[in-house]
């Protein structure tokens, strides 16, 4: 099992999420490539960007959020879980539920703003 450079709790949550999505390490093809963008010499000299490919579904993920390769491995696996959940659960996936909640909040704020503007 790879080390991710995160707390034990976060690592356990990720492993549980991967198990719930039926995502196994043996199904993942992992490559390390050079990152792009800011980060200076550290980014330019080491291959910190992580590319994952889930062989059964063909989903591909690329993570270069952090300067450390270990953290990017964690972020890439987490994003792959999000994509698999969206594919398996559809509208019931945590990401879809979060987006719907934000959409409702914005609509409520829009209505409030519109109602408040008419009074003035």
N, C-alpha and C. Protein backbone atom coordinates (compact mmCIF):
# COMPACT_ATOMS: atom_id res chain seq x y z
N UNK A 1 0.84 -1.18 0.00
CA UNK A 1 0.00 0.00 0.00
C UNK A 1 0.89 1.25 0.00
N UNK A 2 0.63 2.18 -0.91
CA UNK A 2 1.48 3.37 -0.97
C UNK A 2 1.26 4.29 0.23
N UNK A 3 2.28 5.07 0.55
CA UNK A 3 2.18 6.08 1.60
C UNK A 3 1.77 7.40 0.95
N UNK A 4 0.87 8.12 1.63
CA UNK A 4 0.31 9.33 1.04
C UNK A 4 0.74 10.62 1.73
N UNK A 5 1.39 10.53 2.88
CA UNK A 5 1.82 11.74 3.55
C UNK A 5 0.67 12.52 4.17
N UNK A 6 -0.41 11.83 4.54
CA UNK A 6 -1.54 12.46 5.21
C UNK A 6 -1.75 11.77 6.56
N UNK A 7 -2.66 12.31 7.35
CA UNK A 7 -2.91 11.71 8.66
C UNK A 7 -3.51 10.31 8.49
N UNK A 8 -3.38 9.51 9.53
CA UNK A 8 -3.90 8.14 9.49
C UNK A 8 -5.41 8.13 9.28
N UNK A 9 -6.11 9.12 9.85
CA UNK A 9 -7.56 9.20 9.71
C UNK A 9 -7.95 9.44 8.25
N UNK A 10 -7.25 10.38 7.60
CA UNK A 10 -7.57 10.67 6.20
C UNK A 10 -7.24 9.47 5.31
N UNK A 11 -6.15 8.79 5.60
CA UNK A 11 -5.77 7.62 4.83
C UNK A 11 -6.82 6.51 5.00
N UNK A 12 -7.30 6.32 6.22
CA UNK A 12 -8.33 5.31 6.48
C UNK A 12 -9.63 5.66 5.76
N UNK A 13 -9.99 6.95 5.74
CA UNK A 13 -11.20 7.38 5.04
C UNK A 13 -11.08 7.10 3.54
N UNK A 14 -9.89 7.39 2.99
CA UNK A 14 -9.68 7.13 1.56
C UNK A 14 -9.78 5.64 1.26
N UNK A 15 -9.16 4.81 2.07
CA UNK A 15 -9.21 3.36 1.85
C UNK A 15 -10.63 2.83 1.96
N UNK A 16 -11.40 3.37 2.91
CA UNK A 16 -12.80 2.95 3.03
C UNK A 16 -13.60 3.38 1.81
N UNK A 17 -13.33 4.59 1.33
CA UNK A 17 -14.03 5.09 0.14
C UNK A 17 -13.68 4.26 -1.09
N UNK A 18 -12.40 3.89 -1.19
CA UNK A 18 -11.97 3.06 -2.32
C UNK A 18 -12.65 1.69 -2.26
N UNK A 19 -12.77 1.13 -1.07
CA UNK A 19 -13.43 -0.17 -0.92
C UNK A 19 -14.91 -0.05 -1.28
N UNK A 20 -15.55 1.05 -0.91
CA UNK A 20 -16.97 1.25 -1.23
C UNK A 20 -17.19 1.37 -2.73
N UNK A 21 -16.21 1.93 -3.43
CA UNK A 21 -16.30 2.09 -4.89
C UNK A 21 -15.81 0.85 -5.63
N UNK A 22 -15.35 -0.14 -4.90
CA UNK A 22 -14.75 -1.35 -5.47
C UNK A 22 -13.53 -0.98 -6.32
N UNK A 23 -12.72 -0.07 -5.79
CA UNK A 23 -11.51 0.39 -6.45
C UNK A 23 -10.32 -0.29 -5.79
N UNK A 24 -9.62 -1.12 -6.56
CA UNK A 24 -8.47 -1.86 -6.03
C UNK A 24 -7.18 -1.28 -6.60
N UNK A 25 -6.13 -1.34 -5.82
CA UNK A 25 -4.83 -0.86 -6.28
C UNK A 25 -4.37 -1.62 -7.52
N UNK A 26 -4.74 -2.89 -7.63
CA UNK A 26 -4.32 -3.69 -8.78
C UNK A 26 -4.98 -3.21 -10.07
N UNK A 27 -6.11 -2.49 -9.97
CA UNK A 27 -6.81 -1.97 -11.16
C UNK A 27 -6.27 -0.63 -11.62
N UNK A 28 -5.38 -0.03 -10.82
CA UNK A 28 -4.89 1.32 -11.11
C UNK A 28 -3.53 1.26 -11.78
N UNK A 29 -3.40 1.96 -12.89
CA UNK A 29 -2.10 2.15 -13.54
C UNK A 29 -1.63 3.54 -13.16
N UNK A 30 -0.46 3.63 -12.53
CA UNK A 30 0.03 4.90 -12.01
C UNK A 30 1.29 5.32 -12.74
N UNK A 31 1.32 6.60 -13.15
CA UNK A 31 2.51 7.16 -13.80
C UNK A 31 2.86 8.48 -13.13
N UNK A 32 4.13 8.78 -13.11
CA UNK A 32 4.60 10.04 -12.55
C UNK A 32 5.23 10.85 -13.68
N UNK A 33 4.77 12.09 -13.82
CA UNK A 33 5.28 12.97 -14.88
C UNK A 33 5.66 14.31 -14.26
N UNK A 34 6.36 15.12 -15.01
CA UNK A 34 6.75 16.44 -14.53
C UNK A 34 5.54 17.33 -14.42
N UNK A 35 5.48 18.08 -13.33
CA UNK A 35 4.40 19.03 -13.14
C UNK A 35 4.64 20.26 -13.99
N UNK A 36 3.61 21.08 -14.12
CA UNK A 36 3.72 22.33 -14.87
C UNK A 36 3.26 23.46 -13.97
N UNK A 37 3.65 24.66 -14.31
CA UNK A 37 3.19 25.83 -13.58
C UNK A 37 4.13 26.21 -12.46
N UNK A 38 3.63 27.03 -11.50
CA UNK A 38 4.49 27.54 -10.43
C UNK A 38 4.95 26.44 -9.49
N UNK A 39 6.03 26.67 -8.81
CA UNK A 39 6.56 25.70 -7.87
C UNK A 39 8.07 25.72 -7.87
N UNK A 40 8.64 26.40 -8.86
CA UNK A 40 10.08 26.59 -8.88
C UNK A 40 10.86 25.35 -9.23
N UNK A 41 12.08 25.32 -8.76
CA UNK A 41 13.01 24.26 -9.11
C UNK A 41 12.51 22.90 -8.64
N UNK A 42 11.83 22.86 -7.50
CA UNK A 42 11.34 21.59 -6.98
C UNK A 42 10.41 20.91 -7.97
N UNK A 43 9.52 21.68 -8.57
CA UNK A 43 8.56 21.13 -9.53
C UNK A 43 9.27 20.73 -10.82
N UNK A 44 10.23 21.52 -11.23
CA UNK A 44 10.89 21.27 -12.51
C UNK A 44 11.84 20.07 -12.47
N UNK A 45 12.39 19.76 -11.31
CA UNK A 45 13.39 18.71 -11.23
C UNK A 45 12.84 17.34 -10.90
N UNK A 46 11.64 17.29 -10.35
CA UNK A 46 11.11 15.99 -9.93
C UNK A 46 9.75 15.74 -10.56
N UNK A 47 9.42 14.49 -10.73
CA UNK A 47 8.14 14.11 -11.34
C UNK A 47 7.09 14.02 -10.24
N UNK A 48 6.48 15.16 -9.90
CA UNK A 48 5.52 15.19 -8.79
C UNK A 48 4.08 15.03 -9.25
N UNK A 49 3.82 15.21 -10.52
CA UNK A 49 2.45 15.06 -11.03
C UNK A 49 2.13 13.57 -11.16
N UNK A 50 0.93 13.20 -10.73
CA UNK A 50 0.52 11.80 -10.73
C UNK A 50 -0.63 11.61 -11.72
N UNK A 51 -0.50 10.62 -12.58
CA UNK A 51 -1.56 10.26 -13.51
C UNK A 51 -2.03 8.85 -13.15
N UNK A 52 -3.32 8.72 -12.95
CA UNK A 52 -3.90 7.41 -12.66
C UNK A 52 -4.86 7.03 -13.78
N UNK A 53 -4.87 5.76 -14.10
CA UNK A 53 -5.82 5.23 -15.07
C UNK A 53 -6.47 4.00 -14.45
N UNK A 54 -7.80 4.03 -14.38
CA UNK A 54 -8.54 2.89 -13.85
C UNK A 54 -8.83 1.96 -15.02
N UNK A 55 -8.15 0.83 -15.06
CA UNK A 55 -8.20 -0.07 -16.21
C UNK A 55 -9.62 -0.56 -16.54
N UNK A 56 -10.43 -1.00 -15.57
CA UNK A 56 -11.76 -1.52 -15.93
C UNK A 56 -12.69 -0.48 -16.58
N UNK A 57 -12.62 0.78 -16.14
CA UNK A 57 -13.53 1.79 -16.68
C UNK A 57 -12.87 2.71 -17.69
N UNK A 58 -11.54 2.79 -17.68
CA UNK A 58 -10.84 3.68 -18.59
C UNK A 58 -10.79 5.13 -18.10
N UNK A 59 -11.23 5.39 -16.89
CA UNK A 59 -11.18 6.74 -16.35
C UNK A 59 -9.73 7.15 -16.08
N UNK A 60 -9.40 8.40 -16.41
CA UNK A 60 -8.05 8.91 -16.17
C UNK A 60 -8.12 10.15 -15.31
N UNK A 61 -7.17 10.26 -14.40
CA UNK A 61 -7.11 11.39 -13.47
C UNK A 61 -5.67 11.88 -13.43
N UNK A 62 -5.53 13.19 -13.33
CA UNK A 62 -4.20 13.79 -13.22
C UNK A 62 -4.23 14.75 -12.04
N UNK A 63 -3.27 14.65 -11.12
CA UNK A 63 -3.22 15.51 -9.95
C UNK A 63 -1.84 16.15 -9.81
N UNK A 64 -1.84 17.48 -9.70
CA UNK A 64 -0.60 18.20 -9.44
C UNK A 64 -0.89 19.38 -8.52
N UNK A 65 -1.79 19.15 -7.55
CA UNK A 65 -2.20 20.20 -6.63
C UNK A 65 -1.09 20.56 -5.65
N UNK A 66 -0.33 19.58 -5.21
CA UNK A 66 0.69 19.81 -4.20
C UNK A 66 2.08 19.67 -4.82
N UNK A 67 3.08 20.13 -4.09
CA UNK A 67 4.46 19.98 -4.56
C UNK A 67 5.02 18.62 -4.23
N UNK A 68 4.33 17.86 -3.40
CA UNK A 68 4.85 16.54 -3.03
C UNK A 68 4.13 15.44 -3.81
N UNK A 69 4.90 14.47 -4.23
CA UNK A 69 4.35 13.36 -4.99
C UNK A 69 3.38 12.54 -4.15
N UNK A 70 3.70 12.35 -2.88
CA UNK A 70 2.85 11.54 -2.00
C UNK A 70 1.46 12.16 -1.86
N UNK A 71 1.41 13.47 -1.66
CA UNK A 71 0.11 14.13 -1.54
C UNK A 71 -0.67 14.06 -2.85
N UNK A 72 0.03 14.21 -3.96
CA UNK A 72 -0.65 14.13 -5.26
C UNK A 72 -1.20 12.72 -5.50
N UNK A 73 -0.53 11.71 -4.99
CA UNK A 73 -1.06 10.34 -5.10
C UNK A 73 -2.38 10.23 -4.34
N UNK A 74 -2.43 10.85 -3.16
CA UNK A 74 -3.65 10.87 -2.35
C UNK A 74 -4.77 11.61 -3.09
N UNK A 75 -4.46 12.82 -3.59
CA UNK A 75 -5.47 13.63 -4.28
C UNK A 75 -6.00 12.93 -5.53
N UNK A 76 -5.13 12.25 -6.27
CA UNK A 76 -5.55 11.57 -7.49
C UNK A 76 -6.49 10.41 -7.17
N UNK A 77 -6.17 9.65 -6.14
CA UNK A 77 -7.05 8.53 -5.75
C UNK A 77 -8.40 9.05 -5.25
N UNK A 78 -8.37 10.15 -4.52
CA UNK A 78 -9.63 10.73 -4.02
C UNK A 78 -10.49 11.20 -5.20
N UNK A 79 -9.88 11.83 -6.20
CA UNK A 79 -10.63 12.29 -7.37
C UNK A 79 -11.16 11.10 -8.17
N UNK A 80 -10.39 10.05 -8.27
CA UNK A 80 -10.85 8.85 -8.97
C UNK A 80 -12.07 8.25 -8.27
N UNK A 81 -12.05 8.26 -6.94
CA UNK A 81 -13.22 7.79 -6.18
C UNK A 81 -14.44 8.65 -6.47
N UNK A 82 -14.24 9.98 -6.55
CA UNK A 82 -15.36 10.88 -6.85
C UNK A 82 -15.97 10.56 -8.21
N UNK A 83 -15.11 10.32 -9.20
CA UNK A 83 -15.61 10.01 -10.55
C UNK A 83 -16.35 8.68 -10.58
N UNK A 84 -15.81 7.69 -9.87
CA UNK A 84 -16.47 6.38 -9.83
C UNK A 84 -17.82 6.47 -9.10
N UNK A 85 -17.87 7.25 -8.01
CA UNK A 85 -19.14 7.43 -7.30
C UNK A 85 -20.16 8.11 -8.19
N UNK A 86 -19.73 9.11 -8.94
CA UNK A 86 -20.64 9.81 -9.84
C UNK A 86 -21.18 8.85 -10.91
N UNK A 87 -20.31 7.97 -11.36
CA UNK A 87 -20.73 7.01 -12.39
C UNK A 87 -21.67 5.95 -11.81
N UNK A 88 -21.37 5.47 -10.60
CA UNK A 88 -22.17 4.41 -9.99
C UNK A 88 -23.49 4.91 -9.41
N UNK A 89 -23.42 6.04 -8.68
CA UNK A 89 -24.59 6.52 -7.94
C UNK A 89 -25.39 7.58 -8.68
N UNK A 90 -24.80 8.24 -9.64
CA UNK A 90 -25.50 9.28 -10.39
C UNK A 90 -25.85 10.45 -9.49
N UNK A 91 -27.14 10.79 -9.42
CA UNK A 91 -27.59 11.95 -8.65
C UNK A 91 -27.46 11.75 -7.14
N UNK A 92 -27.25 10.54 -6.69
CA UNK A 92 -27.12 10.27 -5.25
C UNK A 92 -25.67 10.34 -4.78
N UNK A 93 -24.73 10.60 -5.68
CA UNK A 93 -23.33 10.67 -5.29
C UNK A 93 -23.09 11.89 -4.41
N UNK A 94 -22.13 11.83 -3.51
CA UNK A 94 -21.86 12.97 -2.61
C UNK A 94 -21.56 14.27 -3.37
N UNK A 95 -20.86 14.18 -4.48
CA UNK A 95 -20.53 15.37 -5.26
C UNK A 95 -21.79 15.97 -5.88
N UNK A 96 -22.68 15.14 -6.40
CA UNK A 96 -23.92 15.64 -6.99
C UNK A 96 -24.82 16.26 -5.92
N UNK A 97 -24.85 15.66 -4.74
CA UNK A 97 -25.65 16.21 -3.63
C UNK A 97 -25.10 17.56 -3.21
N UNK A 98 -23.77 17.68 -3.16
CA UNK A 98 -23.14 18.95 -2.79
C UNK A 98 -23.45 20.04 -3.82
N UNK A 99 -23.36 19.69 -5.11
CA UNK A 99 -23.66 20.66 -6.17
C UNK A 99 -25.11 21.11 -6.11
N UNK A 100 -26.02 20.18 -5.85
CA UNK A 100 -27.45 20.52 -5.76
C UNK A 100 -27.71 21.44 -4.57
N UNK A 101 -27.04 21.20 -3.46
CA UNK A 101 -27.20 22.05 -2.28
C UNK A 101 -26.74 23.48 -2.59
N UNK A 102 -25.61 23.61 -3.25
CA UNK A 102 -25.10 24.94 -3.62
C UNK A 102 -26.05 25.62 -4.60
N UNK A 103 -26.60 24.87 -5.55
CA UNK A 103 -27.55 25.44 -6.51
C UNK A 103 -28.77 26.00 -5.79
N UNK A 104 -29.29 25.24 -4.81
CA UNK A 104 -30.45 25.71 -4.05
C UNK A 104 -30.12 26.96 -3.23
N UNK A 105 -28.92 26.99 -2.63
CA UNK A 105 -28.52 28.15 -1.86
C UNK A 105 -28.44 29.40 -2.74
N UNK A 106 -27.87 29.26 -3.92
CA UNK A 106 -27.77 30.40 -4.83
C UNK A 106 -29.14 30.88 -5.28
N UNK A 107 -30.04 29.93 -5.55
CA UNK A 107 -31.39 30.31 -5.96
C UNK A 107 -32.10 31.05 -4.83
N UNK A 108 -31.93 30.59 -3.61
CA UNK A 108 -32.55 31.25 -2.46
C UNK A 108 -31.99 32.66 -2.29
N UNK A 109 -30.68 32.82 -2.42
CA UNK A 109 -30.07 34.14 -2.32
C UNK A 109 -30.56 35.06 -3.43
N UNK A 110 -30.71 34.52 -4.64
CA UNK A 110 -31.21 35.30 -5.77
C UNK A 110 -32.62 35.81 -5.49
N UNK A 111 -33.47 34.92 -4.95
CA UNK A 111 -34.86 35.32 -4.63
C UNK A 111 -34.87 36.39 -3.54
N UNK A 112 -34.02 36.21 -2.52
CA UNK A 112 -33.97 37.19 -1.44
C UNK A 112 -33.49 38.54 -1.95
N UNK A 113 -32.48 38.51 -2.80
CA UNK A 113 -31.93 39.74 -3.33
C UNK A 113 -32.96 40.45 -4.20
N UNK A 114 -33.68 39.69 -5.00
CA UNK A 114 -34.69 40.26 -5.87
C UNK A 114 -35.82 40.86 -5.04
N UNK A 115 -36.25 40.17 -3.99
CA UNK A 115 -37.32 40.67 -3.12
C UNK A 115 -36.86 41.92 -2.38
N UNK A 116 -35.63 41.94 -1.93
CA UNK A 116 -35.09 43.10 -1.20
C UNK A 116 -34.92 44.31 -2.10
N UNK A 117 -34.62 44.10 -3.36
CA UNK A 117 -34.43 45.20 -4.30
C UNK A 117 -35.73 45.89 -4.67
N UNK A 118 -36.86 45.18 -4.65
CA UNK A 118 -38.14 45.76 -5.01
C UNK A 118 -38.64 46.73 -3.95
N UNK A 119 -38.29 46.48 -2.68
CA UNK A 119 -38.77 47.33 -1.60
C UNK A 119 -38.10 48.70 -1.62
N UNK A 120 -36.87 48.77 -2.00
CA UNK A 120 -36.10 50.01 -1.94
C UNK A 120 -36.51 51.01 -2.98
